[in-house]
Amino acid sequence: MIQLDVSIMGQPYKLACREGEEGALRDAVAYLDEKMCAIRDAGKIRGNDRIAVMAALGIAAELLATKSASGPFSEMTMAEVKQKIAAMNAVIDVALAPQETLF
């Protein structure tokens, strides 16, 4: 195992991976960083944990859309998937709004 120093949304992380998999891990980090920064920069979601959840939902939807022709997103366009994610975001906003006053 080797360790890589990476940055996601400006935060440093030390990640371990097998030798020879550094490129794939760096590509994954870059992709995640891009998604999370885009969500943060849109300004609609605050808090790194919420940004991470929305990025994970978006990436999961992309994966499921490409993984199986008969999967849960197979009949949906990417725009429809994004609409569903936006709806999930609205639900998360309502559910977490009381927490924001605690901090």
PDB file of N, CA and C in Angstrom:
ATOM      1  N   MET A   1       0.841  -1.187   0.000  1.00  0.00           N
ATOM      2  CA  MET A   1       0.000   0.000   0.000  1.00  0.00           C
ATOM      3  C   MET A   1       0.887   1.252   0.000  1.00  0.00           C
ATOM      4  N   ILE A   2       0.388   2.250  -0.696  1.00  0.00           N
ATOM      5  CA  ILE A   2       1.085   3.538  -0.700  1.00  0.00           C
ATOM      6  C   ILE A   2       0.101   4.613  -0.269  1.00  0.00           C
ATOM      7  N   GLN A   3       0.609   5.757   0.161  1.00  0.00           N
ATOM      8  CA  GLN A   3      -0.237   6.863   0.570  1.00  0.00           C
ATOM      9  C   GLN A   3      -0.120   8.003  -0.420  1.00  0.00           C
ATOM     10  N   LEU A   4      -1.260   8.615  -0.702  1.00  0.00           N
ATOM     11  CA  LEU A   4      -1.298   9.785  -1.575  1.00  0.00           C
ATOM     12  C   LEU A   4      -1.835  10.960  -0.782  1.00  0.00           C
ATOM     13  N   ASP A   5      -1.258  12.127  -0.998  1.00  0.00           N
ATOM     14  CA  ASP A   5      -1.792  13.358  -0.440  1.00  0.00           C
ATOM     15  C   ASP A   5      -2.655  13.993  -1.513  1.00  0.00           C
ATOM     16  N   VAL A   6      -3.931  14.211  -1.182  1.00  0.00           N
ATOM     17  CA  VAL A   6      -4.872  14.801  -2.131  1.00  0.00           C
ATOM     18  C   VAL A   6      -5.624  15.922  -1.445  1.00  0.00           C
ATOM     19  N   SER A   7      -6.366  16.676  -2.233  1.00  0.00           N
ATOM     20  CA  SER A   7      -7.177  17.768  -1.704  1.00  0.00           C
ATOM     21  C   SER A   7      -8.569  17.678  -2.329  1.00  0.00           C
ATOM     22  N   ILE A   8      -9.580  17.778  -1.477  1.00  0.00           N
ATOM     23  CA  ILE A   8     -10.967  17.806  -1.933  1.00  0.00           C
ATOM     24  C   ILE A   8     -11.601  19.052  -1.330  1.00  0.00           C
ATOM     25  N   MET A   9     -12.067  19.941  -2.167  1.00  0.00           N
ATOM     26  CA  MET A   9     -12.620  21.230  -1.756  1.00  0.00           C
ATOM     27  C   MET A   9     -11.659  21.975  -0.824  1.00  0.00           C
ATOM     28  N   GLY A  10     -10.369  21.899  -1.142  1.00  0.00           N
ATOM     29  CA  GLY A  10      -9.372  22.616  -0.373  1.00  0.00           C
ATOM     30  C   GLY A  10      -8.939  21.945   0.920  1.00  0.00           C
ATOM     31  N   GLN A  11      -9.535  20.821   1.243  1.00  0.00           N
ATOM     32  CA  GLN A  11      -9.178  20.093   2.458  1.00  0.00           C
ATOM     33  C   GLN A  11      -8.199  18.979   2.119  1.00  0.00           C
ATOM     34  N   PRO A  12      -7.092  18.899   2.841  1.00  0.00           N
ATOM     35  CA  PRO A  12      -6.112  17.845   2.546  1.00  0.00           C
ATOM     36  C   PRO A  12      -6.537  16.494   3.136  1.00  0.00           C
ATOM     37  N   TYR A  13      -6.248  15.434   2.403  1.00  0.00           N
ATOM     38  CA  TYR A  13      -6.526  14.068   2.843  1.00  0.00           C
ATOM     39  C   TYR A  13      -5.336  13.189   2.490  1.00  0.00           C
ATOM     40  N   LYS A  14      -5.062  12.222   3.338  1.00  0.00           N
ATOM     41  CA  LYS A  14      -4.083  11.177   3.041  1.00  0.00           C
ATOM     42  C   LYS A  14      -4.895   9.926   2.739  1.00  0.00           C
ATOM     43  N   LEU A  15      -4.718   9.383   1.544  1.00  0.00           N
ATOM     44  CA  LEU A  15      -5.462   8.205   1.126  1.00  0.00           C
ATOM     45  C   LEU A  15      -4.492   7.076   0.810  1.00  0.00           C
ATOM     46  N   ALA A  16      -4.895   5.876   1.133  1.00  0.00           N
ATOM     47  CA  ALA A  16      -4.081   4.702   0.837  1.00  0.00           C
ATOM     48  C   ALA A  16      -4.655   3.986  -0.382  1.00  0.00           C
ATOM     49  N   CYS A  17      -3.762   3.455  -1.187  1.00  0.00           N
ATOM     50  CA  CYS A  17      -4.193   2.649  -2.326  1.00  0.00           C
ATOM     51  C   CYS A  17      -3.084   1.658  -2.669  1.00  0.00           C
ATOM     52  N   ARG A  18      -3.441   0.709  -3.490  1.00  0.00           N
ATOM     53  CA  ARG A  18      -2.449  -0.277  -3.932  1.00  0.00           C
ATOM     54  C   ARG A  18      -1.530   0.358  -4.971  1.00  0.00           C
ATOM     55  N   GLU A  19      -0.340  -0.142  -5.003  1.00  0.00           N
ATOM     56  CA  GLU A  19       0.612   0.327  -5.998  1.00  0.00           C
ATOM     57  C   GLU A  19       0.049   0.059  -7.394  1.00  0.00           C
ATOM     58  N   GLY A  20       0.165   1.039  -8.254  1.00  0.00           N
ATOM     59  CA  GLY A  20      -0.357   0.912  -9.606  1.00  0.00           C
ATOM     60  C   GLY A  20      -1.763   1.474  -9.762  1.00  0.00           C
ATOM     61  N   GLU A  21      -2.426   1.798  -8.653  1.00  0.00           N
ATOM     62  CA  GLU A  21      -3.793   2.333  -8.707  1.00  0.00           C
ATOM     63  C   GLU A  21      -3.841   3.833  -8.403  1.00  0.00           C
ATOM     64  N   GLU A  22      -2.669   4.451  -8.346  1.00  0.00           N
ATOM     65  CA  GLU A  22      -2.613   5.867  -8.003  1.00  0.00           C
ATOM     66  C   GLU A  22      -3.376   6.731  -9.006  1.00  0.00           C
ATOM     67  N   GLY A  23      -3.209   6.444 -10.275  1.00  0.00           N
ATOM     68  CA  GLY A  23      -3.874   7.238 -11.312  1.00  0.00           C
ATOM     69  C   GLY A  23      -5.381   7.178 -11.200  1.00  0.00           C
ATOM     70  N   ALA A  24      -5.906   5.981 -10.973  1.00  0.00           N
ATOM     71  CA  ALA A  24      -7.358   5.827 -10.843  1.00  0.00           C
ATOM     72  C   ALA A  24      -7.876   6.566  -9.611  1.00  0.00           C
ATOM     73  N   LEU A  25      -7.120   6.484  -8.528  1.00  0.00           N
ATOM     74  CA  LEU A  25      -7.544   7.182  -7.310  1.00  0.00           C
ATOM     75  C   LEU A  25      -7.491   8.693  -7.511  1.00  0.00           C
ATOM     76  N   ARG A  26      -6.439   9.174  -8.149  1.00  0.00           N
ATOM     77  CA  ARG A  26      -6.348  10.623  -8.415  1.00  0.00           C
ATOM     78  C   ARG A  26      -7.478  11.082  -9.347  1.00  0.00           C
ATOM     79  N   ASP A  27      -7.828  10.265 -10.327  1.00  0.00           N
ATOM     80  CA  ASP A  27      -8.952  10.602 -11.210  1.00  0.00           C
ATOM     81  C   ASP A  27     -10.258  10.662 -10.421  1.00  0.00           C
ATOM     82  N   ALA A  28     -10.452   9.712  -9.507  1.00  0.00           N
ATOM     83  CA  ALA A  28     -11.662   9.693  -8.681  1.00  0.00           C
ATOM     84  C   ALA A  28     -11.718  10.923  -7.783  1.00  0.00           C
ATOM     85  N   VAL A  29     -10.583  11.278  -7.196  1.00  0.00           N
ATOM     86  CA  VAL A  29     -10.515  12.463  -6.342  1.00  0.00           C
ATOM     87  C   VAL A  29     -10.834  13.716  -7.156  1.00  0.00           C
ATOM     88  N   ALA A  30     -10.265  13.829  -8.338  1.00  0.00           N
ATOM     89  CA  ALA A  30     -10.510  14.992  -9.188  1.00  0.00           C
ATOM     90  C   ALA A  30     -11.986  15.080  -9.574  1.00  0.00           C
ATOM     91  N   TYR A  31     -12.597  13.948  -9.875  1.00  0.00           N
ATOM     92  CA  TYR A  31     -14.010  13.924 -10.251  1.00  0.00           C
ATOM     93  C   TYR A  31     -14.888  14.349  -9.070  1.00  0.00           C
ATOM     94  N   LEU A  32     -14.611  13.788  -7.894  1.00  0.00           N
ATOM     95  CA  LEU A  32     -15.367  14.145  -6.700  1.00  0.00           C
ATOM     96  C   LEU A  32     -15.179  15.618  -6.357  1.00  0.00           C
ATOM     97  N   ASP A  33     -13.954  16.098  -6.427  1.00  0.00           N
ATOM     98  CA  ASP A  33     -13.672  17.500  -6.143  1.00  0.00           C
ATOM     99  C   ASP A  33     -14.443  18.409  -7.090  1.00  0.00           C
ATOM    100  N   GLU A  34     -14.464  18.042  -8.364  1.00  0.00           N
ATOM    101  CA  GLU A  34     -15.200  18.830  -9.370  1.00  0.00           C
ATOM    102  C   GLU A  34     -16.691  18.886  -9.029  1.00  0.00           C
ATOM    103  N   LYS A  35     -17.266  17.737  -8.699  1.00  0.00           N
ATOM    104  CA  LYS A  35     -18.697  17.677  -8.376  1.00  0.00           C
ATOM    105  C   LYS A  35     -19.011  18.482  -7.116  1.00  0.00           C
ATOM    106  N   MET A  36     -18.196  18.296  -6.076  1.00  0.00           N
ATOM    107  CA  MET A  36     -18.459  18.988  -4.820  1.00  0.00           C
ATOM    108  C   MET A  36     -18.260  20.498  -4.959  1.00  0.00           C
ATOM    109  N   CYS A  37     -17.238  20.915  -5.683  1.00  0.00           N
ATOM    110  CA  CYS A  37     -17.009  22.349  -5.881  1.00  0.00           C
ATOM    111  C   CYS A  37     -18.137  22.984  -6.690  1.00  0.00           C
ATOM    112  N   ALA A  38     -18.651  22.261  -7.680  1.00  0.00           N
ATOM    113  CA  ALA A  38     -19.762  22.782  -8.478  1.00  0.00           C
ATOM    114  C   ALA A  38     -20.999  22.981  -7.609  1.00  0.00           C
ATOM    115  N   ILE A  39     -21.270  22.029  -6.724  1.00  0.00           N
ATOM    116  CA  ILE A  39     -22.424  22.144  -5.823  1.00  0.00           C
ATOM    117  C   ILE A  39     -22.213  23.312  -4.861  1.00  0.00           C
ATOM    118  N   ARG A  40     -21.016  23.405  -4.282  1.00  0.00           N
ATOM    119  CA  ARG A  40     -20.696  24.500  -3.362  1.00  0.00           C
ATOM    120  C   ARG A  40     -20.823  25.846  -4.075  1.00  0.00           C
ATOM    121  N   ASP A  41     -20.268  25.940  -5.289  1.00  0.00           N
ATOM    122  CA  ASP A  41     -20.248  27.202  -6.021  1.00  0.00           C
ATOM    123  C   ASP A  41     -21.632  27.633  -6.490  1.00  0.00           C
ATOM    124  N   ALA A  42     -22.552  26.682  -6.614  1.00  0.00           N
ATOM    125  CA  ALA A  42     -23.927  27.036  -6.977  1.00  0.00           C
ATOM    126  C   ALA A  42     -24.581  27.819  -5.843  1.00  0.00           C
ATOM    127  N   GLY A  43     -24.062  27.663  -4.628  1.00  0.00           N
ATOM    128  CA  GLY A  43     -24.510  28.468  -3.498  1.00  0.00           C
ATOM    129  C   GLY A  43     -25.811  28.072  -2.856  1.00  0.00           C
ATOM    130  N   LYS A  44     -26.420  26.996  -3.299  1.00  0.00           N
ATOM    131  CA  LYS A  44     -27.720  26.613  -2.747  1.00  0.00           C
ATOM    132  C   LYS A  44     -27.592  25.699  -1.533  1.00  0.00           C
ATOM    133  N   ILE A  45     -26.426  25.073  -1.377  1.00  0.00           N
ATOM    134  CA  ILE A  45     -26.239  24.107  -0.297  1.00  0.00           C
ATOM    135  C   ILE A  45     -25.055  24.554   0.533  1.00  0.00           C
ATOM    136  N   ARG A  46     -25.265  24.564   1.853  1.00  0.00           N
ATOM    137  CA  ARG A  46     -24.188  24.919   2.763  1.00  0.00           C
ATOM    138  C   ARG A  46     -23.823  23.710   3.605  1.00  0.00           C
ATOM    139  N   GLY A  47     -22.586  23.650   3.975  1.00  0.00           N
ATOM    140  CA  GLY A  47     -22.113  22.567   4.823  1.00  0.00           C
ATOM    141  C   GLY A  47     -21.482  21.467   3.990  1.00  0.00           C
ATOM    142  N   ASN A  48     -20.242  21.150   4.327  1.00  0.00           N
ATOM    143  CA  ASN A  48     -19.513  20.146   3.561  1.00  0.00           C
ATOM    144  C   ASN A  48     -20.189  18.784   3.587  1.00  0.00           C
ATOM    145  N   ASP A  49     -20.834  18.431   4.706  1.00  0.00           N
ATOM    146  CA  ASP A  49     -21.503  17.134   4.768  1.00  0.00           C
ATOM    147  C   ASP A  49     -22.667  17.076   3.795  1.00  0.00           C
ATOM    148  N   ARG A  50     -23.429  18.141   3.703  1.00  0.00           N
ATOM    149  CA  ARG A  50     -24.558  18.177   2.769  1.00  0.00           C
ATOM    150  C   ARG A  50     -24.073  18.200   1.322  1.00  0.00           C
ATOM    151  N   ILE A  51     -23.002  18.926   1.064  1.00  0.00           N
ATOM    152  CA  ILE A  51     -22.418  18.964  -0.277  1.00  0.00           C
ATOM    153  C   ILE A  51     -21.952  17.566  -0.664  1.00  0.00           C
ATOM    154  N   ALA A  52     -21.310  16.871   0.282  1.00  0.00           N
ATOM    155  CA  ALA A  52     -20.828  15.511   0.006  1.00  0.00           C
ATOM    156  C   ALA A  52     -21.984  14.565  -0.290  1.00  0.00           C
ATOM    157  N   VAL A  53     -23.085  14.687   0.461  1.00  0.00           N
ATOM    158  CA  VAL A  53     -24.244  13.824   0.225  1.00  0.00           C
ATOM    159  C   VAL A  53     -24.827  14.092  -1.154  1.00  0.00           C
ATOM    160  N   MET A  54     -24.962  15.348  -1.537  1.00  0.00           N
ATOM    161  CA  MET A  54     -25.525  15.664  -2.849  1.00  0.00           C
ATOM    162  C   MET A  54     -24.600  15.195  -3.974  1.00  0.00           C
ATOM    163  N   ALA A  55     -23.306  15.334  -3.785  1.00  0.00           N
ATOM    164  CA  ALA A  55     -22.357  14.848  -4.791  1.00  0.00           C
ATOM    165  C   ALA A  55     -22.453  13.331  -4.895  1.00  0.00           C
ATOM    166  N   ALA A  56     -22.550  12.664  -3.752  1.00  0.00           N
ATOM    167  CA  ALA A  56     -22.671  11.199  -3.759  1.00  0.00           C
ATOM    168  C   ALA A  56     -23.955  10.765  -4.458  1.00  0.00           C
ATOM    169  N   LEU A  57     -25.051  11.460  -4.209  1.00  0.00           N
ATOM    170  CA  LEU A  57     -26.307  11.123  -4.894  1.00  0.00           C
ATOM    171  C   LEU A  57     -26.178  11.304  -6.405  1.00  0.00           C
ATOM    172  N   GLY A  58     -25.558  12.388  -6.812  1.00  0.00           N
ATOM    173  CA  GLY A  58     -25.379  12.624  -8.239  1.00  0.00           C
ATOM    174  C   GLY A  58     -24.501  11.572  -8.892  1.00  0.00           C
ATOM    175  N   ILE A  59     -23.413  11.217  -8.233  1.00  0.00           N
ATOM    176  CA  ILE A  59     -22.505  10.204  -8.772  1.00  0.00           C
ATOM    177  C   ILE A  59     -23.174   8.835  -8.794  1.00  0.00           C
ATOM    178  N   ALA A  60     -23.929   8.527  -7.733  1.00  0.00           N
ATOM    179  CA  ALA A  60     -24.653   7.250  -7.694  1.00  0.00           C
ATOM    180  C   ALA A  60     -25.677   7.183  -8.827  1.00  0.00           C
ATOM    181  N   ALA A  61     -26.370   8.272  -9.067  1.00  0.00           N
ATOM    182  CA  ALA A  61     -27.347   8.303 -10.156  1.00  0.00           C
ATOM    183  C   ALA A  61     -26.666   8.100 -11.505  1.00  0.00           C
ATOM    184  N   GLU A  62     -25.514   8.730 -11.693  1.00  0.00           N
ATOM    185  CA  GLU A  62     -24.763   8.535 -12.935  1.00  0.00           C
ATOM    186  C   GLU A  62     -24.358   7.073 -13.100  1.00  0.00           C
ATOM    187  N   LEU A  63     -23.874   6.491 -12.019  1.00  0.00           N
ATOM    188  CA  LEU A  63     -23.457   5.092 -12.066  1.00  0.00           C
ATOM    189  C   LEU A  63     -24.628   4.184 -12.396  1.00  0.00           C
ATOM    190  N   LEU A  64     -25.740   4.372 -11.702  1.00  0.00           N
ATOM    191  CA  LEU A  64     -26.902   3.519 -11.930  1.00  0.00           C
ATOM    192  C   LEU A  64     -27.466   3.685 -13.339  1.00  0.00           C
ATOM    193  N   ALA A  65     -27.377   4.908 -13.858  1.00  0.00           N
ATOM    194  CA  ALA A  65     -27.888   5.155 -15.207  1.00  0.00           C
ATOM    195  C   ALA A  65     -27.069   4.423 -16.263  1.00  0.00           C
ATOM    196  N   THR A  66     -25.795   4.243 -15.991  1.00  0.00           N
ATOM    197  CA  THR A  66     -24.937   3.589 -16.976  1.00  0.00           C
ATOM    198  C   THR A  66     -24.740   2.109 -16.697  1.00  0.00           C
ATOM    199  N   LYS A  67     -25.016   1.678 -15.473  1.00  0.00           N
ATOM    200  CA  LYS A  67     -24.719   0.314 -15.053  1.00  0.00           C
ATOM    201  C   LYS A  67     -25.645  -0.726 -15.666  1.00  0.00           C
ATOM    202  N   SER A  68     -26.912  -0.420 -15.741  1.00  0.00           N
ATOM    203  CA  SER A  68     -27.864  -1.433 -16.184  1.00  0.00           C
ATOM    204  C   SER A  68     -28.962  -0.816 -17.038  1.00  0.00           C
ATOM    205  N   ALA A  69     -29.229  -1.455 -18.144  1.00  0.00           N
ATOM    206  CA  ALA A  69     -30.309  -0.986 -19.009  1.00  0.00           C
ATOM    207  C   ALA A  69     -31.665  -1.192 -18.361  1.00  0.00           C
ATOM    208  N   SER A  70     -31.750  -2.048 -17.362  1.00  0.00           N
ATOM    209  CA  SER A  70     -33.026  -2.276 -16.687  1.00  0.00           C
ATOM    210  C   SER A  70     -33.008  -1.737 -15.261  1.00  0.00           C
ATOM    211  N   GLY A  71     -32.025  -0.896 -14.941  1.00  0.00           N
ATOM    212  CA  GLY A  71     -31.904  -0.342 -13.597  1.00  0.00           C
ATOM    213  C   GLY A  71     -32.967   0.704 -13.302  1.00  0.00           C
ATOM    214  N   PRO A  72     -32.967   1.226 -12.081  1.00  0.00           N
ATOM    215  CA  PRO A  72     -34.008   2.164 -11.667  1.00  0.00           C
ATOM    216  C   PRO A  72     -33.999   3.477 -12.440  1.00  0.00           C
ATOM    217  N   PHE A  73     -32.896   3.822 -13.064  1.00  0.00           N
ATOM    218  CA  PHE A  73     -32.817   5.071 -13.809  1.00  0.00           C
ATOM    219  C   PHE A  73     -32.764   4.847 -15.318  1.00  0.00           C
ATOM    220  N   SER A  74     -32.992   3.626 -15.760  1.00  0.00           N
ATOM    221  CA  SER A  74     -32.824   3.306 -17.178  1.00  0.00           C
ATOM    222  C   SER A  74     -33.818   4.029 -18.074  1.00  0.00           C
ATOM    223  N   GLU A  75     -34.981   4.334 -17.555  1.00  0.00           N
ATOM    224  CA  GLU A  75     -36.005   4.994 -18.366  1.00  0.00           C
ATOM    225  C   GLU A  75     -35.929   6.514 -18.272  1.00  0.00           C
ATOM    226  N   MET A  76     -34.984   7.031 -17.493  1.00  0.00           N
ATOM    227  CA  MET A  76     -34.905   8.467 -17.255  1.00  0.00           C
ATOM    228  C   MET A  76     -33.741   9.094 -18.015  1.00  0.00           C
ATOM    229  N   THR A  77     -33.954  10.317 -18.456  1.00  0.00           N
ATOM    230  CA  THR A  77     -32.855  11.074 -19.043  1.00  0.00           C
ATOM    231  C   THR A  77     -32.019  11.651 -17.907  1.00  0.00           C
ATOM    232  N   MET A  78     -30.832  12.115 -18.217  1.00  0.00           N
ATOM    233  CA  MET A  78     -29.991  12.706 -17.187  1.00  0.00           C
ATOM    234  C   MET A  78     -30.667  13.946 -16.607  1.00  0.00           C
ATOM    235  N   ALA A  79     -31.399  14.695 -17.427  1.00  0.00           N
ATOM    236  CA  ALA A  79     -32.121  15.870 -16.921  1.00  0.00           C
ATOM    237  C   ALA A  79     -33.165  15.455 -15.891  1.00  0.00           C
ATOM    238  N   GLU A  80     -33.849  14.346 -16.145  1.00  0.00           N
ATOM    239  CA  GLU A  80     -34.842  13.858 -15.184  1.00  0.00           C
ATOM    240  C   GLU A  80     -34.180  13.390 -13.891  1.00  0.00           C
ATOM    241  N   VAL A  81     -33.032  12.756 -14.014  1.00  0.00           N
ATOM    242  CA  VAL A  81     -32.285  12.329 -12.825  1.00  0.00           C
ATOM    243  C   VAL A  81     -31.885  13.564 -12.022  1.00  0.00           C
ATOM    244  N   LYS A  82     -31.424  14.602 -12.706  1.00  0.00           N
ATOM    245  CA  LYS A  82     -31.027  15.834 -12.017  1.00  0.00           C
ATOM    246  C   LYS A  82     -32.226  16.475 -11.330  1.00  0.00           C
ATOM    247  N   GLN A  83     -33.407  16.406 -11.944  1.00  0.00           N
ATOM    248  CA  GLN A  83     -34.616  16.934 -11.311  1.00  0.00           C
ATOM    249  C   GLN A  83     -34.933  16.158 -10.035  1.00  0.00           C
ATOM    250  N   LYS A  84     -34.799  14.842 -10.094  1.00  0.00           N
ATOM    251  CA  LYS A  84     -35.042  14.021  -8.905  1.00  0.00           C
ATOM    252  C   LYS A  84     -34.052  14.384  -7.798  1.00  0.00           C
ATOM    253  N   ILE A  85     -32.798  14.587  -8.163  1.00  0.00           N
ATOM    254  CA  ILE A  85     -31.787  14.959  -7.179  1.00  0.00           C
ATOM    255  C   ILE A  85     -32.123  16.328  -6.582  1.00  0.00           C
ATOM    256  N   ALA A  86     -32.567  17.257  -7.404  1.00  0.00           N
ATOM    257  CA  ALA A  86     -32.957  18.577  -6.896  1.00  0.00           C
ATOM    258  C   ALA A  86     -34.123  18.448  -5.917  1.00  0.00           C
ATOM    259  N   ALA A  87     -35.061  17.560  -6.214  1.00  0.00           N
ATOM    260  CA  ALA A  87     -36.182  17.327  -5.300  1.00  0.00           C
ATOM    261  C   ALA A  87     -35.683  16.739  -3.979  1.00  0.00           C
ATOM    262  N   MET A  88     -34.725  15.798  -4.060  1.00  0.00           N
ATOM    263  CA  MET A  88     -34.139  15.232  -2.839  1.00  0.00           C
ATOM    264  C   MET A  88     -33.442  16.311  -2.031  1.00  0.00           C
ATOM    265  N   ASN A  89     -32.779  17.220  -2.732  1.00  0.00           N
ATOM    266  CA  ASN A  89     -32.089  18.316  -2.068  1.00  0.00           C
ATOM    267  C   ASN A  89     -33.084  19.187  -1.308  1.00  0.00           C
ATOM    268  N   ALA A  90     -34.218  19.454  -1.909  1.00  0.00           N
ATOM    269  CA  ALA A  90     -35.242  20.255  -1.239  1.00  0.00           C
ATOM    270  C   ALA A  90     -35.722  19.578   0.037  1.00  0.00           C
ATOM    271  N   VAL A  91     -35.914  18.275  -0.017  1.00  0.00           N
ATOM    272  CA  VAL A  91     -36.337  17.525   1.165  1.00  0.00           C
ATOM    273  C   VAL A  91     -35.255  17.590   2.243  1.00  0.00           C
ATOM    274  N   ILE A  92     -33.996  17.442   1.835  1.00  0.00           N
ATOM    275  CA  ILE A  92     -32.887  17.523   2.784  1.00  0.00           C
ATOM    276  C   ILE A  92     -32.826  18.914   3.409  1.00  0.00           C
ATOM    277  N   ASP A  93     -33.028  19.971   2.597  1.00  0.00           N
ATOM    278  CA  ASP A  93     -33.026  21.336   3.125  1.00  0.00           C
ATOM    279  C   ASP A  93     -34.067  21.510   4.222  1.00  0.00           C
ATOM    280  N   VAL A  94     -35.266  21.020   3.977  1.00  0.00           N
ATOM    281  CA  VAL A  94     -36.344  21.141   4.963  1.00  0.00           C
ATOM    282  C   VAL A  94     -36.006  20.348   6.220  1.00  0.00           C
ATOM    283  N   ALA A  95     -35.494  19.138   6.035  1.00  0.00           N
ATOM    284  CA  ALA A  95     -35.199  18.276   7.178  1.00  0.00           C
ATOM    285  C   ALA A  95     -34.055  18.816   8.022  1.00  0.00           C
ATOM    286  N   LEU A  96     -33.056  19.435   7.399  1.00  0.00           N
ATOM    287  CA  LEU A  96     -31.883  19.895   8.132  1.00  0.00           C
ATOM    288  C   LEU A  96     -31.955  21.356   8.558  1.00  0.00           C
ATOM    289  N   ALA A  97     -32.955  22.093   8.114  1.00  0.00           N
ATOM    290  CA  ALA A  97     -33.061  23.508   8.467  1.00  0.00           C
ATOM    291  C   ALA A  97     -33.032  23.743   9.980  1.00  0.00           C
ATOM    292  N   PRO A  98     -33.753  22.952  10.773  1.00  0.00           N
ATOM    293  CA  PRO A  98     -33.685  23.188  12.230  1.00  0.00           C
ATOM    294  C   PRO A  98     -32.290  23.001  12.795  1.00  0.00           C
ATOM    295  N   GLN A  99     -31.479  22.142  12.194  1.00  0.00           N
ATOM    296  CA  GLN A  99     -30.118  21.905  12.676  1.00  0.00           C
ATOM    297  C   GLN A  99     -29.234  23.127  12.482  1.00  0.00           C
ATOM    298  N   GLU A 100     -29.472  23.885  11.429  1.00  0.00           N
ATOM    299  CA  GLU A 100     -28.623  25.027  11.117  1.00  0.00           C
ATOM    300  C   GLU A 100     -28.686  26.077  12.206  1.00  0.00           C
ATOM    301  N   THR A 101     -29.816  26.179  12.892  1.00  0.00           N
ATOM    302  CA  THR A 101     -29.919  27.162  13.968  1.00  0.00           C
ATOM    303  C   THR A 101     -29.132  26.730  15.202  1.00  0.00           C
ATOM    304  N   LEU A 102     -28.793  25.452  15.288  1.00  0.00           N
ATOM    305  CA  LEU A 102     -28.015  24.941  16.424  1.00  0.00           C
ATOM    306  C   LEU A 102     -26.554  25.366  16.336  1.00  0.00           C
ATOM    307  N   PHE A 103     -26.072  25.601  15.126  1.00  0.00           N
ATOM    308  CA  PHE A 103     -24.660  25.936  14.942  1.00  0.00           C
ATOM    309  C   PHE A 103     -24.542  27.375  14.664  1.00  0.00           C
TER     310      PHE A 103
END
